[in-house]
Amino acid sequence: MVHTKTPTVYIMGNNRPSLYIGVTSNPIKRVWLHKNDLTKGFTNKYQLHTLLYYETFETMEQAILREKQLKRWHREWKLNLIKSKNPEVKDLYSDLIDAETSSA
């Protein structure tokens, strides 16, 4: 499968719940790196292995603007956003893989 860039904003979490908001053009790879503690820093330190939310965009510029917007939000707003798209607060990694492979 040839990878096409998919500008994506994502939120990783754990059961505490700590949250991390990031942006990438290769969401499957990036989340896999977080899940396997291969990304040093906040997600590794706090064991943020669960993909709670993601949004895709047409351009990286749009994704970066959304990431900056979400990072300014209050924690409650972020949790409400997650629950609006993911009411069971489950790991969305398999959904992400399905979405990427079905659009390829």
PDB file of N, CA and C in Angstrom:
ATOM      1  N   MET A   1       0.842  -1.183   0.000  1.00  0.00           N
ATOM      2  CA  MET A   1       0.000   0.000   0.000  1.00  0.00           C
ATOM      3  C   MET A   1       0.886   1.246   0.000  1.00  0.00           C
ATOM      4  N   VAL A   2       0.634   2.139  -0.894  1.00  0.00           N
ATOM      5  CA  VAL A   2       1.355   3.405  -0.959  1.00  0.00           C
ATOM      6  C   VAL A   2       0.674   4.373   0.002  1.00  0.00           C
ATOM      7  N   HIS A   3       1.489   4.970   0.853  1.00  0.00           N
ATOM      8  CA  HIS A   3       0.923   5.895   1.842  1.00  0.00           C
ATOM      9  C   HIS A   3       0.706   7.265   1.214  1.00  0.00           C
ATOM     10  N   THR A   4      -0.504   7.759   1.356  1.00  0.00           N
ATOM     11  CA  THR A   4      -0.778   9.137   0.986  1.00  0.00           C
ATOM     12  C   THR A   4      -0.846   9.937   2.275  1.00  0.00           C
ATOM     13  N   LYS A   5      -0.408  11.148   2.225  1.00  0.00           N
ATOM     14  CA  LYS A   5      -0.411  11.968   3.434  1.00  0.00           C
ATOM     15  C   LYS A   5      -1.840  12.292   3.841  1.00  0.00           C
ATOM     16  N   THR A   6      -2.099  12.131   5.124  1.00  0.00           N
ATOM     17  CA  THR A   6      -3.409  12.426   5.687  1.00  0.00           C
ATOM     18  C   THR A   6      -3.216  13.373   6.863  1.00  0.00           C
ATOM     19  N   PRO A   7      -3.294  14.683   6.639  1.00  0.00           N
ATOM     20  CA  PRO A   7      -3.150  15.623   7.757  1.00  0.00           C
ATOM     21  C   PRO A   7      -4.188  15.324   8.838  1.00  0.00           C
ATOM     22  N   THR A   8      -3.705  15.036  10.035  1.00  0.00           N
ATOM     23  CA  THR A   8      -4.565  14.553  11.107  1.00  0.00           C
ATOM     24  C   THR A   8      -4.192  15.180  12.441  1.00  0.00           C
ATOM     25  N   VAL A   9      -5.205  15.593  13.187  1.00  0.00           N
ATOM     26  CA  VAL A   9      -5.043  15.988  14.583  1.00  0.00           C
ATOM     27  C   VAL A   9      -5.561  14.811  15.404  1.00  0.00           C
ATOM     28  N   TYR A  10      -4.848  14.474  16.465  1.00  0.00           N
ATOM     29  CA  TYR A  10      -5.251  13.314  17.269  1.00  0.00           C
ATOM     30  C   TYR A  10      -5.069  13.614  18.751  1.00  0.00           C
ATOM     31  N   ILE A  11      -5.827  12.876  19.560  1.00  0.00           N
ATOM     32  CA  ILE A  11      -5.698  12.989  21.017  1.00  0.00           C
ATOM     33  C   ILE A  11      -5.423  11.594  21.567  1.00  0.00           C
ATOM     34  N   MET A  12      -4.305  11.470  22.265  1.00  0.00           N
ATOM     35  CA  MET A  12      -3.942  10.233  22.951  1.00  0.00           C
ATOM     36  C   MET A  12      -4.266  10.403  24.431  1.00  0.00           C
ATOM     37  N   GLY A  13      -4.605   9.307  25.092  1.00  0.00           N
ATOM     38  CA  GLY A  13      -4.916   9.379  26.513  1.00  0.00           C
ATOM     39  C   GLY A  13      -4.564   8.097  27.234  1.00  0.00           C
ATOM     40  N   ASN A  14      -4.852   8.098  28.531  1.00  0.00           N
ATOM     41  CA  ASN A  14      -4.682   6.914  29.373  1.00  0.00           C
ATOM     42  C   ASN A  14      -5.849   6.882  30.346  1.00  0.00           C
ATOM     43  N   ASN A  15      -5.784   6.028  31.340  1.00  0.00           N
ATOM     44  CA  ASN A  15      -6.933   5.888  32.250  1.00  0.00           C
ATOM     45  C   ASN A  15      -6.940   6.890  33.403  1.00  0.00           C
ATOM     46  N   ARG A  16      -6.031   7.857  33.450  1.00  0.00           N
ATOM     47  CA  ARG A  16      -5.994   8.822  34.568  1.00  0.00           C
ATOM     48  C   ARG A  16      -7.046   9.914  34.441  1.00  0.00           C
ATOM     49  N   PRO A  17      -7.448  10.560  33.462  1.00  0.00           N
ATOM     50  CA  PRO A  17      -6.894  10.513  32.118  1.00  0.00           C
ATOM     51  C   PRO A  17      -6.012  11.721  31.799  1.00  0.00           C
ATOM     52  N   SER A  18      -4.804  11.459  31.428  1.00  0.00           N
ATOM     53  CA  SER A  18      -3.951  12.507  30.868  1.00  0.00           C
ATOM     54  C   SER A  18      -4.232  12.551  29.379  1.00  0.00           C
ATOM     55  N   LEU A  19      -4.064  13.723  28.775  1.00  0.00           N
ATOM     56  CA  LEU A  19      -4.342  13.881  27.356  1.00  0.00           C
ATOM     57  C   LEU A  19      -3.148  14.503  26.640  1.00  0.00           C
ATOM     58  N   TYR A  20      -2.944  14.091  25.403  1.00  0.00           N
ATOM     59  CA  TYR A  20      -1.920  14.665  24.546  1.00  0.00           C
ATOM     60  C   TYR A  20      -2.547  14.948  23.190  1.00  0.00           C
ATOM     61  N   ILE A  21      -2.359  16.158  22.675  1.00  0.00           N
ATOM     62  CA  ILE A  21      -2.872  16.526  21.359  1.00  0.00           C
ATOM     63  C   ILE A  21      -1.684  16.680  20.428  1.00  0.00           C
ATOM     64  N   GLY A  22      -1.763  16.005  19.284  1.00  0.00           N
ATOM     65  CA  GLY A  22      -0.692  16.078  18.309  1.00  0.00           C
ATOM     66  C   GLY A  22      -1.222  16.231  16.903  1.00  0.00           C
ATOM     67  N   VAL A  23      -0.297  16.441  15.963  1.00  0.00           N
ATOM     68  CA  VAL A  23      -0.640  16.577  14.551  1.00  0.00           C
ATOM     69  C   VAL A  23       0.383  15.765  13.758  1.00  0.00           C
ATOM     70  N   THR A  24      -0.074  15.145  12.674  1.00  0.00           N
ATOM     71  CA  THR A  24       0.803  14.323  11.848  1.00  0.00           C
ATOM     72  C   THR A  24       0.232  14.188  10.449  1.00  0.00           C
ATOM     73  N   SER A  25       1.068  13.803   9.511  1.00  0.00           N
ATOM     74  CA  SER A  25       0.582  13.492   8.171  1.00  0.00           C
ATOM     75  C   SER A  25       0.520  11.982   7.958  1.00  0.00           C
ATOM     76  N   ASN A  26       0.978  11.207   8.940  1.00  0.00           N
ATOM     77  CA  ASN A  26       0.945   9.745   8.864  1.00  0.00           C
ATOM     78  C   ASN A  26       0.388   9.206  10.186  1.00  0.00           C
ATOM     79  N   PRO A  27      -0.938   9.287  10.370  1.00  0.00           N
ATOM     80  CA  PRO A  27      -1.516   8.972  11.676  1.00  0.00           C
ATOM     81  C   PRO A  27      -1.322   7.528  12.126  1.00  0.00           C
ATOM     82  N   ILE A  28      -1.390   6.567  11.228  1.00  0.00           N
ATOM     83  CA  ILE A  28      -1.222   5.165  11.641  1.00  0.00           C
ATOM     84  C   ILE A  28       0.165   4.950  12.225  1.00  0.00           C
ATOM     85  N   LYS A  29       1.172   5.430  11.531  1.00  0.00           N
ATOM     86  CA  LYS A  29       2.543   5.276  12.023  1.00  0.00           C
ATOM     87  C   LYS A  29       2.757   6.037  13.327  1.00  0.00           C
ATOM     88  N   ARG A  30       2.273   7.273  13.379  1.00  0.00           N
ATOM     89  CA  ARG A  30       2.509   8.105  14.564  1.00  0.00           C
ATOM     90  C   ARG A  30       1.854   7.515  15.809  1.00  0.00           C
ATOM     91  N   VAL A  31       0.617   7.068  15.681  1.00  0.00           N
ATOM     92  CA  VAL A  31      -0.063   6.468  16.838  1.00  0.00           C
ATOM     93  C   VAL A  31       0.631   5.165  17.230  1.00  0.00           C
ATOM     94  N   TRP A  32       1.070   4.379  16.252  1.00  0.00           N
ATOM     95  CA  TRP A  32       1.794   3.143  16.545  1.00  0.00           C
ATOM     96  C   TRP A  32       3.056   3.448  17.351  1.00  0.00           C
ATOM     97  N   LEU A  33       3.762   4.509  16.972  1.00  0.00           N
ATOM     98  CA  LEU A  33       4.958   4.912  17.723  1.00  0.00           C
ATOM     99  C   LEU A  33       4.610   5.257  19.168  1.00  0.00           C
ATOM    100  N   HIS A  34       3.509   5.986  19.375  1.00  0.00           N
ATOM    101  CA  HIS A  34       3.070   6.316  20.744  1.00  0.00           C
ATOM    102  C   HIS A  34       2.710   5.042  21.505  1.00  0.00           C
ATOM    103  N   LYS A  35       1.959   4.151  20.875  1.00  0.00           N
ATOM    104  CA  LYS A  35       1.502   2.931  21.538  1.00  0.00           C
ATOM    105  C   LYS A  35       2.669   2.039  21.968  1.00  0.00           C
ATOM    106  N   ASN A  36       3.764   2.110  21.230  1.00  0.00           N
ATOM    107  CA  ASN A  36       4.914   1.250  21.512  1.00  0.00           C
ATOM    108  C   ASN A  36       6.053   1.995  22.208  1.00  0.00           C
ATOM    109  N   ASP A  37       5.731   3.151  22.792  1.00  0.00           N
ATOM    110  CA  ASP A  37       6.702   3.951  23.554  1.00  0.00           C
ATOM    111  C   ASP A  37       7.969   4.270  22.767  1.00  0.00           C
ATOM    112  N   LEU A  38       7.818   4.487  21.464  1.00  0.00           N
ATOM    113  CA  LEU A  38       8.958   4.818  20.625  1.00  0.00           C
ATOM    114  C   LEU A  38       9.056   6.318  20.373  1.00  0.00           C
ATOM    115  N   THR A  39       8.133   7.080  20.939  1.00  0.00           N
ATOM    116  CA  THR A  39       8.163   8.532  20.874  1.00  0.00           C
ATOM    117  C   THR A  39       8.496   9.023  22.278  1.00  0.00           C
ATOM    118  N   LYS A  40       9.703   9.505  22.462  1.00  0.00           N
ATOM    119  CA  LYS A  40      10.123   9.957  23.784  1.00  0.00           C
ATOM    120  C   LYS A  40       9.450  11.278  24.123  1.00  0.00           C
ATOM    121  N   GLY A  41       9.130  11.460  25.384  1.00  0.00           N
ATOM    122  CA  GLY A  41       8.502  12.702  25.822  1.00  0.00           C
ATOM    123  C   GLY A  41       7.245  12.436  26.614  1.00  0.00           C
ATOM    124  N   PHE A  42       6.283  13.328  26.494  1.00  0.00           N
ATOM    125  CA  PHE A  42       5.068  13.315  27.311  1.00  0.00           C
ATOM    126  C   PHE A  42       4.283  12.013  27.183  1.00  0.00           C
ATOM    127  N   THR A  43       4.059  11.549  25.951  1.00  0.00           N
ATOM    128  CA  THR A  43       3.235  10.345  25.771  1.00  0.00           C
ATOM    129  C   THR A  43       3.916   9.118  26.354  1.00  0.00           C
ATOM    130  N   ASN A  44       5.224   9.060  26.251  1.00  0.00           N
ATOM    131  CA  ASN A  44       5.975   7.948  26.823  1.00  0.00           C
ATOM    132  C   ASN A  44       5.980   8.029  28.349  1.00  0.00           C
ATOM    133  N   LYS A  45       6.245   9.206  28.869  1.00  0.00           N
ATOM    134  CA  LYS A  45       6.327   9.411  30.324  1.00  0.00           C
ATOM    135  C   LYS A  45       5.018   9.045  31.016  1.00  0.00           C
ATOM    136  N   TYR A  46       3.886   9.432  30.418  1.00  0.00           N
ATOM    137  CA  TYR A  46       2.586   9.214  31.043  1.00  0.00           C
ATOM    138  C   TYR A  46       1.815   8.020  30.459  1.00  0.00           C
ATOM    139  N   GLN A  47       2.514   7.219  29.649  1.00  0.00           N
ATOM    140  CA  GLN A  47       1.930   5.993  29.095  1.00  0.00           C
ATOM    141  C   GLN A  47       0.600   6.259  28.379  1.00  0.00           C
ATOM    142  N   LEU A  48       0.623   7.204  27.460  1.00  0.00           N
ATOM    143  CA  LEU A  48      -0.567   7.565  26.690  1.00  0.00           C
ATOM    144  C   LEU A  48      -0.616   6.679  25.444  1.00  0.00           C
ATOM    145  N   HIS A  49      -1.335   5.567  25.549  1.00  0.00           N
ATOM    146  CA  HIS A  49      -1.357   4.556  24.494  1.00  0.00           C
ATOM    147  C   HIS A  49      -2.711   4.426  23.802  1.00  0.00           C
ATOM    148  N   THR A  50      -3.694   5.193  24.222  1.00  0.00           N
ATOM    149  CA  THR A  50      -5.043   5.052  23.689  1.00  0.00           C
ATOM    150  C   THR A  50      -5.386   6.224  22.782  1.00  0.00           C
ATOM    151  N   LEU A  51      -5.741   5.918  21.529  1.00  0.00           N
ATOM    152  CA  LEU A  51      -6.193   6.945  20.598  1.00  0.00           C
ATOM    153  C   LEU A  51      -7.655   7.227  20.904  1.00  0.00           C
ATOM    154  N   LEU A  52      -7.924   8.402  21.464  1.00  0.00           N
ATOM    155  CA  LEU A  52      -9.275   8.747  21.894  1.00  0.00           C
ATOM    156  C   LEU A  52     -10.055   9.541  20.857  1.00  0.00           C
ATOM    157  N   TYR A  53      -9.334  10.235  19.971  1.00  0.00           N
ATOM    158  CA  TYR A  53      -9.999  11.138  19.031  1.00  0.00           C
ATOM    159  C   TYR A  53      -9.054  11.433  17.887  1.00  0.00           C
ATOM    160  N   TYR A  54      -9.616  11.609  16.696  1.00  0.00           N
ATOM    161  CA  TYR A  54      -8.822  12.114  15.581  1.00  0.00           C
ATOM    162  C   TYR A  54      -9.725  12.801  14.565  1.00  0.00           C
ATOM    163  N   GLU A  55      -9.138  13.737  13.853  1.00  0.00           N
ATOM    164  CA  GLU A  55      -9.815  14.493  12.797  1.00  0.00           C
ATOM    165  C   GLU A  55      -8.847  14.594  11.631  1.00  0.00           C
ATOM    166  N   THR A  56      -9.346  14.391  10.418  1.00  0.00           N
ATOM    167  CA  THR A  56      -8.496  14.545   9.246  1.00  0.00           C
ATOM    168  C   THR A  56      -8.848  15.831   8.503  1.00  0.00           C
ATOM    169  N   PHE A  57      -7.868  16.341   7.761  1.00  0.00           N
ATOM    170  CA  PHE A  57      -8.007  17.615   7.056  1.00  0.00           C
ATOM    171  C   PHE A  57      -7.459  17.506   5.644  1.00  0.00           C
ATOM    172  N   GLU A  58      -7.824  18.466   4.825  1.00  0.00           N
ATOM    173  CA  GLU A  58      -7.330  18.521   3.448  1.00  0.00           C
ATOM    174  C   GLU A  58      -5.858  18.939   3.398  1.00  0.00           C
ATOM    175  N   THR A  59      -5.477  19.861   4.282  1.00  0.00           N
ATOM    176  CA  THR A  59      -4.102  20.367   4.264  1.00  0.00           C
ATOM    177  C   THR A  59      -3.482  20.297   5.657  1.00  0.00           C
ATOM    178  N   MET A  60      -2.165  20.271   5.682  1.00  0.00           N
ATOM    179  CA  MET A  60      -1.450  20.266   6.954  1.00  0.00           C
ATOM    180  C   MET A  60      -1.660  21.583   7.691  1.00  0.00           C
ATOM    181  N   GLU A  61      -1.787  22.672   6.956  1.00  0.00           N
ATOM    182  CA  GLU A  61      -2.011  23.974   7.587  1.00  0.00           C
ATOM    183  C   GLU A  61      -3.310  23.973   8.385  1.00  0.00           C
ATOM    184  N   GLN A  62      -4.376  23.375   7.815  1.00  0.00           N
ATOM    185  CA  GLN A  62      -5.658  23.272   8.528  1.00  0.00           C
ATOM    186  C   GLN A  62      -5.505  22.419   9.789  1.00  0.00           C
ATOM    187  N   ALA A  63      -4.777  21.331   9.672  1.00  0.00           N
ATOM    188  CA  ALA A  63      -4.574  20.444  10.829  1.00  0.00           C
ATOM    189  C   ALA A  63      -3.805  21.146  11.935  1.00  0.00           C
ATOM    190  N   ILE A  64      -2.779  21.898  11.566  1.00  0.00           N
ATOM    191  CA  ILE A  64      -1.975  22.622  12.555  1.00  0.00           C
ATOM    192  C   ILE A  64      -2.803  23.696  13.251  1.00  0.00           C
ATOM    193  N   LEU A  65      -3.635  24.404  12.498  1.00  0.00           N
ATOM    194  CA  LEU A  65      -4.517  25.411  13.113  1.00  0.00           C
ATOM    195  C   LEU A  65      -5.467  24.757  14.112  1.00  0.00           C
ATOM    196  N   ARG A  66      -6.027  23.598  13.749  1.00  0.00           N
ATOM    197  CA  ARG A  66      -6.947  22.901  14.657  1.00  0.00           C
ATOM    198  C   ARG A  66      -6.204  22.413  15.897  1.00  0.00           C
ATOM    199  N   GLU A  67      -5.000  21.885  15.725  1.00  0.00           N
ATOM    200  CA  GLU A  67      -4.207  21.439  16.872  1.00  0.00           C
ATOM    201  C   GLU A  67      -3.981  22.595  17.844  1.00  0.00           C
ATOM    202  N   LYS A  68      -3.589  23.743  17.317  1.00  0.00           N
ATOM    203  CA  LYS A  68      -3.349  24.910  18.171  1.00  0.00           C
ATOM    204  C   LYS A  68      -4.623  25.335  18.889  1.00  0.00           C
ATOM    205  N   GLN A  69      -5.756  25.276  18.173  1.00  0.00           N
ATOM    206  CA  GLN A  69      -7.034  25.623  18.783  1.00  0.00           C
ATOM    207  C   GLN A  69      -7.354  24.674  19.938  1.00  0.00           C
ATOM    208  N   LEU A  70      -7.239  23.372  19.702  1.00  0.00           N
ATOM    209  CA  LEU A  70      -7.570  22.382  20.734  1.00  0.00           C
ATOM    210  C   LEU A  70      -6.645  22.492  21.940  1.00  0.00           C
ATOM    211  N   LYS A  71      -5.395  22.805  21.718  1.00  0.00           N
ATOM    212  CA  LYS A  71      -4.451  22.932  22.837  1.00  0.00           C
ATOM    213  C   LYS A  71      -4.810  24.099  23.748  1.00  0.00           C
ATOM    214  N   ARG A  72      -5.526  25.090  23.229  1.00  0.00           N
ATOM    215  CA  ARG A  72      -5.950  26.236  24.047  1.00  0.00           C
ATOM    216  C   ARG A  72      -7.235  25.939  24.823  1.00  0.00           C
ATOM    217  N   TRP A  73      -7.935  24.887  24.465  1.00  0.00           N
ATOM    218  CA  TRP A  73      -9.217  24.563  25.095  1.00  0.00           C
ATOM    219  C   TRP A  73      -9.034  24.123  26.540  1.00  0.00           C
ATOM    220  N   HIS A  74     -10.087  24.338  27.337  1.00  0.00           N
ATOM    221  CA  HIS A  74     -10.136  23.802  28.698  1.00  0.00           C
ATOM    222  C   HIS A  74     -10.253  22.287  28.628  1.00  0.00           C
ATOM    223  N   ARG A  75      -9.766  21.633  29.639  1.00  0.00           N
ATOM    224  CA  ARG A  75      -9.802  20.170  29.705  1.00  0.00           C
ATOM    225  C   ARG A  75     -11.225  19.622  29.508  1.00  0.00           C
ATOM    226  N   GLU A  76     -12.206  20.237  30.152  1.00  0.00           N
ATOM    227  CA  GLU A  76     -13.593  19.776  30.036  1.00  0.00           C
ATOM    228  C   GLU A  76     -14.071  19.821  28.583  1.00  0.00           C
ATOM    229  N   TRP A  77     -13.699  20.852  27.850  1.00  0.00           N
ATOM    230  CA  TRP A  77     -14.089  20.967  26.441  1.00  0.00           C
ATOM    231  C   TRP A  77     -13.478  19.831  25.630  1.00  0.00           C
ATOM    232  N   LYS A  78     -12.204  19.523  25.914  1.00  0.00           N
ATOM    233  CA  LYS A  78     -11.527  18.426  25.207  1.00  0.00           C
ATOM    234  C   LYS A  78     -12.228  17.103  25.488  1.00  0.00           C
ATOM    235  N   LEU A  79     -12.569  16.865  26.750  1.00  0.00           N
ATOM    236  CA  LEU A  79     -13.261  15.617  27.105  1.00  0.00           C
ATOM    237  C   LEU A  79     -14.637  15.546  26.454  1.00  0.00           C
ATOM    238  N   ASN A  80     -15.335  16.675  26.397  1.00  0.00           N
ATOM    239  CA  ASN A  80     -16.641  16.701  25.723  1.00  0.00           C
ATOM    240  C   ASN A  80     -16.504  16.425  24.231  1.00  0.00           C
ATOM    241  N   LEU A  81     -15.461  16.954  23.607  1.00  0.00           N
ATOM    242  CA  LEU A  81     -15.203  16.684  22.194  1.00  0.00           C
ATOM    243  C   LEU A  81     -14.960  15.196  21.978  1.00  0.00           C
ATOM    244  N   ILE A  82     -14.129  14.611  22.808  1.00  0.00           N
ATOM    245  CA  ILE A  82     -13.838  13.176  22.700  1.00  0.00           C
ATOM    246  C   ILE A  82     -15.131  12.374  22.827  1.00  0.00           C
ATOM    247  N   LYS A  83     -15.926  12.678  23.854  1.00  0.00           N
ATOM    248  CA  LYS A  83     -17.164  11.918  24.095  1.00  0.00           C
ATOM    249  C   LYS A  83     -18.208  12.137  23.007  1.00  0.00           C
ATOM    250  N   SER A  84     -18.176  13.296  22.328  1.00  0.00           N
ATOM    251  CA  SER A  84     -19.147  13.547  21.260  1.00  0.00           C
ATOM    252  C   SER A  84     -18.892  12.643  20.059  1.00  0.00           C
ATOM    253  N   LYS A  85     -17.648  12.297  19.796  1.00  0.00           N
ATOM    254  CA  LYS A  85     -17.298  11.434  18.659  1.00  0.00           C
ATOM    255  C   LYS A  85     -17.017  10.002  19.091  1.00  0.00           C
ATOM    256  N   ASN A  86     -16.725   9.802  20.369  1.00  0.00           N
ATOM    257  CA  ASN A  86     -16.307   8.499  20.881  1.00  0.00           C
ATOM    258  C   ASN A  86     -16.962   8.288  22.251  1.00  0.00           C
ATOM    259  N   PRO A  87     -18.311   8.112  22.272  1.00  0.00           N
ATOM    260  CA  PRO A  87     -19.026   8.064  23.549  1.00  0.00           C
ATOM    261  C   PRO A  87     -18.572   6.946  24.486  1.00  0.00           C
ATOM    262  N   GLU A  88     -18.054   5.874  23.928  1.00  0.00           N
ATOM    263  CA  GLU A  88     -17.591   4.762  24.777  1.00  0.00           C
ATOM    264  C   GLU A  88     -16.153   4.956  25.237  1.00  0.00           C
ATOM    265  N   VAL A  89     -15.520   6.030  24.764  1.00  0.00           N
ATOM    266  CA  VAL A  89     -14.134   6.366  25.086  1.00  0.00           C
ATOM    267  C   VAL A  89     -13.241   5.128  24.887  1.00  0.00           C
ATOM    268  N   LYS A  90     -13.388   4.530  23.695  1.00  0.00           N
ATOM    269  CA  LYS A  90     -12.599   3.343  23.356  1.00  0.00           C
ATOM    270  C   LYS A  90     -11.384   3.751  22.529  1.00  0.00           C
ATOM    271  N   ASP A  91     -10.468   2.829  22.372  1.00  0.00           N
ATOM    272  CA  ASP A  91      -9.293   3.059  21.542  1.00  0.00           C
ATOM    273  C   ASP A  91      -9.725   3.032  20.079  1.00  0.00           C
ATOM    274  N   LEU A  92      -9.479   4.118  19.365  1.00  0.00           N
ATOM    275  CA  LEU A  92      -9.921   4.254  17.975  1.00  0.00           C
ATOM    276  C   LEU A  92      -8.855   3.839  16.954  1.00  0.00           C
ATOM    277  N   TYR A  93      -7.781   3.226  17.415  1.00  0.00           N
ATOM    278  CA  TYR A  93      -6.692   2.886  16.498  1.00  0.00           C
ATOM    279  C   TYR A  93      -7.148   1.946  15.378  1.00  0.00           C
ATOM    280  N   SER A  94      -7.918   0.931  15.693  1.00  0.00           N
ATOM    281  CA  SER A  94      -8.383   0.020  14.635  1.00  0.00           C
ATOM    282  C   SER A  94      -9.329   0.740  13.678  1.00  0.00           C
ATOM    283  N   ASP A  95     -10.138   1.665  14.177  1.00  0.00           N
ATOM    284  CA  ASP A  95     -11.002   2.472  13.309  1.00  0.00           C
ATOM    285  C   ASP A  95     -10.160   3.328  12.366  1.00  0.00           C
ATOM    286  N   LEU A  96      -9.087   3.892  12.887  1.00  0.00           N
ATOM    287  CA  LEU A  96      -8.185   4.702  12.076  1.00  0.00           C
ATOM    288  C   LEU A  96      -7.572   3.866  10.958  1.00  0.00           C
ATOM    289  N   ILE A  97      -7.107   2.674  11.305  1.00  0.00           N
ATOM    290  CA  ILE A  97      -6.526   1.783  10.290  1.00  0.00           C
ATOM    291  C   ILE A  97      -7.564   1.436   9.234  1.00  0.00           C
ATOM    292  N   ASP A  98      -8.778   1.090   9.663  1.00  0.00           N
ATOM    293  CA  ASP A  98      -9.861   0.771   8.712  1.00  0.00           C
ATOM    294  C   ASP A  98     -10.149   1.941   7.792  1.00  0.00           C
ATOM    295  N   ALA A  99     -10.221   3.145   8.345  1.00  0.00           N
ATOM    296  CA  ALA A  99     -10.516   4.340   7.548  1.00  0.00           C
ATOM    297  C   ALA A  99      -9.405   4.608   6.543  1.00  0.00           C
ATOM    298  N   GLU A 100      -8.169   4.449   6.959  1.00  0.00           N
ATOM    299  CA  GLU A 100      -7.030   4.697   6.060  1.00  0.00           C
ATOM    300  C   GLU A 100      -6.966   3.661   4.952  1.00  0.00           C
ATOM    301  N   THR A 101      -7.186   2.389   5.288  1.00  0.00           N
ATOM    302  CA  THR A 101      -7.076   1.343   4.272  1.00  0.00           C
ATOM    303  C   THR A 101      -8.248   1.343   3.315  1.00  0.00           C
ATOM    304  N   SER A 102      -9.420   1.768   3.781  1.00  0.00           N
ATOM    305  CA  SER A 102     -10.584   1.807   2.888  1.00  0.00           C
ATOM    306  C   SER A 102     -10.528   2.996   1.941  1.00  0.00           C
ATOM    307  N   SER A 103      -9.789   4.037   2.310  1.00  0.00           N
ATOM    308  CA  SER A 103      -9.697   5.209   1.427  1.00  0.00           C
ATOM    309  C   SER A 103      -8.506   5.101   0.465  1.00  0.00           C
ATOM    310  N   ALA A 104      -7.679   4.085   0.633  1.00  0.00           N
ATOM    311  CA  ALA A 104      -6.502   3.931  -0.241  1.00  0.00           C
ATOM    312  C   ALA A 104      -6.855   3.315  -1.565  1.00  0.00           C
TER     313      ALA A 104
END
